[in-house]
């Protein structure tokens, strides 16, 4: 499983164009307070919440996880 993640991440690390109508979405359940925190953190990074979560997972977590 970890090997598959690494291969997917390293092989597909190109600039991506996201089509908001055709791309897959993942819905997560958060409290109102958690949602506010995510929005504020995204604002600090000058990103919308969707791009912030994507950046957090693919830019930070996976980079640190793979290293």
PDB file of N, CA and C in Angstrom:
ATOM      1  N   UNK A   1       0.819  -1.191   0.000  1.00  0.00           N
ATOM      2  CA  UNK A   1       0.000   0.000   0.000  1.00  0.00           C
ATOM      3  C   UNK A   1       0.864   1.255   0.000  1.00  0.00           C
ATOM      4  N   UNK A   2       1.875   1.285   0.840  1.00  0.00           N
ATOM      5  CA  UNK A   2       2.754   2.455   0.894  1.00  0.00           C
ATOM      6  C   UNK A   2       3.497   2.608  -0.423  1.00  0.00           C
ATOM      7  N   UNK A   3       3.939   1.508  -0.972  1.00  0.00           N
ATOM      8  CA  UNK A   3       4.644   1.550  -2.255  1.00  0.00           C
ATOM      9  C   UNK A   3       3.749   2.119  -3.349  1.00  0.00           C
ATOM     10  N   UNK A   4       2.483   1.719  -3.361  1.00  0.00           N
ATOM     11  CA  UNK A   4       1.535   2.236  -4.354  1.00  0.00           C
ATOM     12  C   UNK A   4       1.358   3.739  -4.205  1.00  0.00           C
ATOM     13  N   UNK A   5       1.257   4.221  -2.968  1.00  0.00           N
ATOM     14  CA  UNK A   5       1.138   5.660  -2.726  1.00  0.00           C
ATOM     15  C   UNK A   5       2.354   6.411  -3.252  1.00  0.00           C
ATOM     16  N   UNK A   6       3.518   5.879  -2.969  1.00  0.00           N
ATOM     17  CA  UNK A   6       4.749   6.538  -3.412  1.00  0.00           C
ATOM     18  C   UNK A   6       4.811   6.579  -4.930  1.00  0.00           C
ATOM     19  N   UNK A   7       4.504   5.466  -5.578  1.00  0.00           N
ATOM     20  CA  UNK A   7       4.533   5.427  -7.038  1.00  0.00           C
ATOM     21  C   UNK A   7       3.521   6.387  -7.640  1.00  0.00           C
ATOM     22  N   UNK A   8       2.304   6.405  -7.112  1.00  0.00           N
ATOM     23  CA  UNK A   8       1.284   7.315  -7.631  1.00  0.00           C
ATOM     24  C   UNK A   8       1.717   8.758  -7.440  1.00  0.00           C
ATOM     25  N   UNK A   9       2.268   9.066  -6.305  1.00  0.00           N
ATOM     26  CA  UNK A   9       2.658  10.438  -5.994  1.00  0.00           C
ATOM     27  C   UNK A   9       3.830  10.886  -6.860  1.00  0.00           C
ATOM     28  N   UNK A  10       4.836  10.054  -7.001  1.00  0.00           N
ATOM     29  CA  UNK A  10       6.028  10.443  -7.755  1.00  0.00           C
ATOM     30  C   UNK A  10       5.795  10.448  -9.260  1.00  0.00           C
ATOM     31  N   UNK A  11       5.018   9.511  -9.751  1.00  0.00           N
ATOM     32  CA  UNK A  11       4.797   9.431 -11.192  1.00  0.00           C
ATOM     33  C   UNK A  11       3.830  10.484 -11.701  1.00  0.00           C
ATOM     34  N   UNK A  12       2.933  10.943 -10.878  1.00  0.00           N
ATOM     35  CA  UNK A  12       1.910  11.885 -11.316  1.00  0.00           C
ATOM     36  C   UNK A  12       2.123  13.265 -10.715  1.00  0.00           C
ATOM     37  N   UNK A  13       3.360  13.649 -10.469  1.00  0.00           N
ATOM     38  CA  UNK A  13       3.630  14.930  -9.822  1.00  0.00           C
ATOM     39  C   UNK A  13       3.772  16.037 -10.867  1.00  0.00           C
ATOM     40  N   UNK A  14       2.821  16.153 -11.755  1.00  0.00           N
ATOM     41  CA  UNK A  14       2.799  17.201 -12.766  1.00  0.00           C
ATOM     42  C   UNK A  14       1.749  18.218 -12.363  1.00  0.00           C
ATOM     43  N   UNK A  15       1.803  19.371 -13.009  1.00  0.00           N
ATOM     44  CA  UNK A  15       0.760  20.363 -12.754  1.00  0.00           C
ATOM     45  C   UNK A  15      -0.573  19.792 -13.210  1.00  0.00           C
ATOM     46  N   UNK A  16      -1.564  19.969 -12.378  1.00  0.00           N
ATOM     47  CA  UNK A  16      -2.874  19.397 -12.672  1.00  0.00           C
ATOM     48  C   UNK A  16      -3.875  20.512 -12.877  1.00  0.00           C
ATOM     49  N   UNK A  17      -4.744  20.320 -13.835  1.00  0.00           N
ATOM     50  CA  UNK A  17      -5.858  21.236 -14.037  1.00  0.00           C
ATOM     51  C   UNK A  17      -7.100  20.530 -13.536  1.00  0.00           C
ATOM     52  N   UNK A  18      -7.759  21.147 -12.573  1.00  0.00           N
ATOM     53  CA  UNK A  18      -8.937  20.536 -11.985  1.00  0.00           C
ATOM     54  C   UNK A  18     -10.183  21.133 -12.609  1.00  0.00           C
ATOM     55  N   UNK A  19     -11.045  20.275 -13.110  1.00  0.00           N
ATOM     56  CA  UNK A  19     -12.329  20.695 -13.655  1.00  0.00           C
ATOM     57  C   UNK A  19     -13.346  20.536 -12.531  1.00  0.00           C
ATOM     58  N   UNK A  20     -13.862  21.637 -12.059  1.00  0.00           N
ATOM     59  CA  UNK A  20     -14.730  21.593 -10.877  1.00  0.00           C
ATOM     60  C   UNK A  20     -16.010  20.794 -11.098  1.00  0.00           C
ATOM     61  N   UNK A  21     -16.392  20.555 -12.344  1.00  0.00           N
ATOM     62  CA  UNK A  21     -17.620  19.805 -12.603  1.00  0.00           C
ATOM     63  C   UNK A  21     -17.374  18.320 -12.839  1.00  0.00           C
ATOM     64  N   UNK A  22     -16.162  17.940 -13.164  1.00  0.00           N
ATOM     65  CA  UNK A  22     -15.896  16.550 -13.529  1.00  0.00           C
ATOM     66  C   UNK A  22     -14.976  15.812 -12.562  1.00  0.00           C
ATOM     67  N   UNK A  23     -14.306  16.517 -11.704  1.00  0.00           N
ATOM     68  CA  UNK A  23     -13.380  15.869 -10.773  1.00  0.00           C
ATOM     69  C   UNK A  23     -14.123  15.209  -9.627  1.00  0.00           C
ATOM     70  N   UNK A  24     -13.455  14.248  -9.030  1.00  0.00           N
ATOM     71  CA  UNK A  24     -14.017  13.539  -7.887  1.00  0.00           C
ATOM     72  C   UNK A  24     -13.948  14.417  -6.650  1.00  0.00           C
ATOM     73  N   UNK A  25     -14.916  14.270  -5.783  1.00  0.00           N
ATOM     74  CA  UNK A  25     -14.938  15.004  -4.522  1.00  0.00           C
ATOM     75  C   UNK A  25     -15.010  14.005  -3.378  1.00  0.00           C
ATOM     76  N   UNK A  26     -14.394  14.384  -2.286  1.00  0.00           N
ATOM     77  CA  UNK A  26     -14.455  13.588  -1.067  1.00  0.00           C
ATOM     78  C   UNK A  26     -15.079  14.478  -0.002  1.00  0.00           C
ATOM     79  N   UNK A  27     -16.133  13.998   0.595  1.00  0.00           N
ATOM     80  CA  UNK A  27     -16.810  14.769   1.632  1.00  0.00           C
ATOM     81  C   UNK A  27     -16.406  14.222   2.997  1.00  0.00           C
ATOM     82  N   UNK A  28     -16.071  15.127   3.887  1.00  0.00           N
ATOM     83  CA  UNK A  28     -15.720  14.720   5.245  1.00  0.00           C
ATOM     84  C   UNK A  28     -16.615  15.467   6.226  1.00  0.00           C
ATOM     85  N   UNK A  29     -16.870  14.837   7.319  1.00  0.00           N
ATOM     86  CA  UNK A  29     -17.719  15.433   8.343  1.00  0.00           C
ATOM     87  C   UNK A  29     -16.829  16.174   9.338  1.00  0.00           C
ATOM     88  N   UNK A  30     -17.098  17.467   9.512  1.00  0.00           N
ATOM     89  CA  UNK A  30     -16.357  18.282  10.478  1.00  0.00           C
ATOM     90  C   UNK A  30     -17.348  19.115  11.274  1.00  0.00           C
ATOM     91  N   UNK A  31     -16.913  19.529  12.445  1.00  0.00           N
ATOM     92  CA  UNK A  31     -17.760  20.409  13.253  1.00  0.00           C
ATOM     93  C   UNK A  31     -17.646  21.831  12.712  1.00  0.00           C
ATOM     94  N   UNK A  32     -18.519  22.699  13.171  1.00  0.00           N
ATOM     95  CA  UNK A  32     -18.475  24.094  12.735  1.00  0.00           C
ATOM     96  C   UNK A  32     -17.153  24.735  13.135  1.00  0.00           C
ATOM     97  N   UNK A  33     -16.677  24.431  14.336  1.00  0.00           N
ATOM     98  CA  UNK A  33     -15.396  24.979  14.792  1.00  0.00           C
ATOM     99  C   UNK A  33     -14.238  24.499  13.912  1.00  0.00           C
ATOM    100  N   UNK A  34     -14.246  23.218  13.570  1.00  0.00           N
ATOM    101  CA  UNK A  34     -13.195  22.683  12.702  1.00  0.00           C
ATOM    102  C   UNK A  34     -13.242  23.334  11.321  1.00  0.00           C
ATOM    103  N   UNK A  35     -14.441  23.535  10.828  1.00  0.00           N
ATOM    104  CA  UNK A  35     -14.611  24.174   9.521  1.00  0.00           C
ATOM    105  C   UNK A  35     -14.072  25.603   9.549  1.00  0.00           C
ATOM    106  N   UNK A  36     -14.349  26.318  10.623  1.00  0.00           N
ATOM    107  CA  UNK A  36     -13.839  27.684  10.766  1.00  0.00           C
ATOM    108  C   UNK A  36     -12.312  27.700  10.826  1.00  0.00           C
ATOM    109  N   UNK A  37     -11.740  26.739  11.532  1.00  0.00           N
ATOM    110  CA  UNK A  37     -10.281  26.649  11.622  1.00  0.00           C
ATOM    111  C   UNK A  37      -9.681  26.389  10.243  1.00  0.00           C
ATOM    112  N   UNK A  38     -10.273  25.462   9.495  1.00  0.00           N
ATOM    113  CA  UNK A  38      -9.778  25.156   8.148  1.00  0.00           C
ATOM    114  C   UNK A  38      -9.849  26.392   7.265  1.00  0.00           C
ATOM    115  N   UNK A  39     -10.956  27.107   7.330  1.00  0.00           N
ATOM    116  CA  UNK A  39     -11.098  28.328   6.520  1.00  0.00           C
ATOM    117  C   UNK A  39     -10.058  29.376   6.897  1.00  0.00           C
ATOM    118  N   UNK A  40      -9.824  29.555   8.188  1.00  0.00           N
ATOM    119  CA  UNK A  40      -8.845  30.555   8.637  1.00  0.00           C
ATOM    120  C   UNK A  40      -7.426  30.162   8.238  1.00  0.00           C
ATOM    121  N   UNK A  41      -7.102  28.876   8.372  1.00  0.00           N
ATOM    122  CA  UNK A  41      -5.777  28.418   7.955  1.00  0.00           C
ATOM    123  C   UNK A  41      -5.594  28.569   6.448  1.00  0.00           C
ATOM    124  N   UNK A  42      -6.639  28.276   5.691  1.00  0.00           N
ATOM    125  CA  UNK A  42      -6.576  28.439   4.237  1.00  0.00           C
ATOM    126  C   UNK A  42      -6.362  29.902   3.876  1.00  0.00           C
ATOM    127  N   UNK A  43      -7.050  30.771   4.582  1.00  0.00           N
ATOM    128  CA  UNK A  43      -6.904  32.205   4.325  1.00  0.00           C
ATOM    129  C   UNK A  43      -5.474  32.661   4.617  1.00  0.00           C
ATOM    130  N   UNK A  44      -4.869  32.121   5.664  1.00  0.00           N
ATOM    131  CA  UNK A  44      -3.476  32.457   5.992  1.00  0.00           C
ATOM    132  C   UNK A  44      -2.524  32.036   4.872  1.00  0.00           C
ATOM    133  N   UNK A  45      -2.853  30.968   4.179  1.00  0.00           N
ATOM    134  CA  UNK A  45      -2.027  30.478   3.074  1.00  0.00           C
ATOM    135  C   UNK A  45      -2.456  31.074   1.732  1.00  0.00           C
ATOM    136  N   UNK A  46      -3.433  31.970   1.755  1.00  0.00           N
ATOM    137  CA  UNK A  46      -3.967  32.606   0.537  1.00  0.00           C
ATOM    138  C   UNK A  46      -4.544  31.576  -0.435  1.00  0.00           C
ATOM    139  N   UNK A  47      -5.241  30.588   0.105  1.00  0.00           N
ATOM    140  CA  UNK A  47      -5.870  29.546  -0.699  1.00  0.00           C
ATOM    141  C   UNK A  47      -7.329  29.419  -0.300  1.00  0.00           C
ATOM    142  N   UNK A  48      -8.140  28.868  -1.213  1.00  0.00           N
ATOM    143  CA  UNK A  48      -9.491  28.523  -0.798  1.00  0.00           C
ATOM    144  C   UNK A  48      -9.416  27.196  -0.047  1.00  0.00           C
ATOM    145  N   UNK A  49     -10.490  26.814   0.600  1.00  0.00           N
ATOM    146  CA  UNK A  49     -10.430  25.626   1.467  1.00  0.00           C
ATOM    147  C   UNK A  49     -10.104  24.355   0.688  1.00  0.00           C
ATOM    148  N   UNK A  50     -10.652  24.223  -0.503  1.00  0.00           N
ATOM    149  CA  UNK A  50     -10.399  23.039  -1.314  1.00  0.00           C
ATOM    150  C   UNK A  50      -8.918  22.918  -1.666  1.00  0.00           C
ATOM    151  N   UNK A  51      -8.340  23.994  -2.159  1.00  0.00           N
ATOM    152  CA  UNK A  51      -6.920  23.972  -2.517  1.00  0.00           C
ATOM    153  C   UNK A  51      -6.031  23.837  -1.287  1.00  0.00           C
ATOM    154  N   UNK A  52      -6.454  24.397  -0.172  1.00  0.00           N
ATOM    155  CA  UNK A  52      -5.681  24.276   1.061  1.00  0.00           C
ATOM    156  C   UNK A  52      -5.612  22.819   1.516  1.00  0.00           C
ATOM    157  N   UNK A  53      -6.735  22.139   1.526  1.00  0.00           N
ATOM    158  CA  UNK A  53      -6.755  20.735   1.957  1.00  0.00           C
ATOM    159  C   UNK A  53      -5.934  19.891   0.984  1.00  0.00           C
ATOM    160  N   UNK A  54      -6.068  20.148  -0.313  1.00  0.00           N
ATOM    161  CA  UNK A  54      -5.283  19.428  -1.320  1.00  0.00           C
ATOM    162  C   UNK A  54      -3.788  19.684  -1.092  1.00  0.00           C
ATOM    163  N   UNK A  55      -3.404  20.941  -0.866  1.00  0.00           N
ATOM    164  CA  UNK A  55      -2.006  21.304  -0.618  1.00  0.00           C
ATOM    165  C   UNK A  55      -1.501  20.631   0.658  1.00  0.00           C
ATOM    166  N   UNK A  56      -2.338  20.617   1.674  1.00  0.00           N
ATOM    167  CA  UNK A  56      -1.951  20.025   2.947  1.00  0.00           C
ATOM    168  C   UNK A  56      -1.675  18.535   2.799  1.00  0.00           C
ATOM    169  N   UNK A  57      -2.540  17.849   2.087  1.00  0.00           N
ATOM    170  CA  UNK A  57      -2.378  16.401   1.926  1.00  0.00           C
ATOM    171  C   UNK A  57      -1.236  16.074   0.974  1.00  0.00           C
ATOM    172  N   UNK A  58      -1.281  16.644  -0.229  1.00  0.00           N
ATOM    173  CA  UNK A  58      -0.299  16.269  -1.241  1.00  0.00           C
ATOM    174  C   UNK A  58       1.016  17.026  -1.115  1.00  0.00           C
ATOM    175  N   UNK A  59       0.977  18.236  -0.628  1.00  0.00           N
ATOM    176  CA  UNK A  59       2.193  19.026  -0.538  1.00  0.00           C
ATOM    177  C   UNK A  59       2.957  18.810   0.741  1.00  0.00           C
ATOM    178  N   UNK A  60       2.265  18.643   1.825  1.00  0.00           N
ATOM    179  CA  UNK A  60       2.926  18.526   3.121  1.00  0.00           C
ATOM    180  C   UNK A  60       2.971  17.087   3.617  1.00  0.00           C
ATOM    181  N   UNK A  61       1.822  16.484   3.782  1.00  0.00           N
ATOM    182  CA  UNK A  61       1.775  15.167   4.405  1.00  0.00           C
ATOM    183  C   UNK A  61       2.518  14.118   3.583  1.00  0.00           C
ATOM    184  N   UNK A  62       2.209  14.017   2.303  1.00  0.00           N
ATOM    185  CA  UNK A  62       2.850  12.979   1.499  1.00  0.00           C
ATOM    186  C   UNK A  62       4.341  13.230   1.332  1.00  0.00           C
ATOM    187  N   UNK A  63       4.751  14.485   1.165  1.00  0.00           N
ATOM    188  CA  UNK A  63       6.186  14.775   1.079  1.00  0.00           C
ATOM    189  C   UNK A  63       6.903  14.331   2.348  1.00  0.00           C
ATOM    190  N   UNK A  64       6.350  14.666   3.491  1.00  0.00           N
ATOM    191  CA  UNK A  64       6.960  14.273   4.763  1.00  0.00           C
ATOM    192  C   UNK A  64       6.877  12.765   4.973  1.00  0.00           C
ATOM    193  N   UNK A  65       5.774  12.168   4.551  1.00  0.00           N
ATOM    194  CA  UNK A  65       5.560  10.735   4.718  1.00  0.00           C
ATOM    195  C   UNK A  65       6.555   9.943   3.868  1.00  0.00           C
ATOM    196  N   UNK A  66       6.759  10.384   2.637  1.00  0.00           N
ATOM    197  CA  UNK A  66       7.663   9.676   1.730  1.00  0.00           C
ATOM    198  C   UNK A  66       9.112   9.825   2.179  1.00  0.00           C
ATOM    199  N   UNK A  67       9.463  10.994   2.685  1.00  0.00           N
ATOM    200  CA  UNK A  67      10.841  11.217   3.145  1.00  0.00           C
ATOM    201  C   UNK A  67      11.078  10.395   4.381  1.00  0.00           C
TER     202      UNK A  67
END
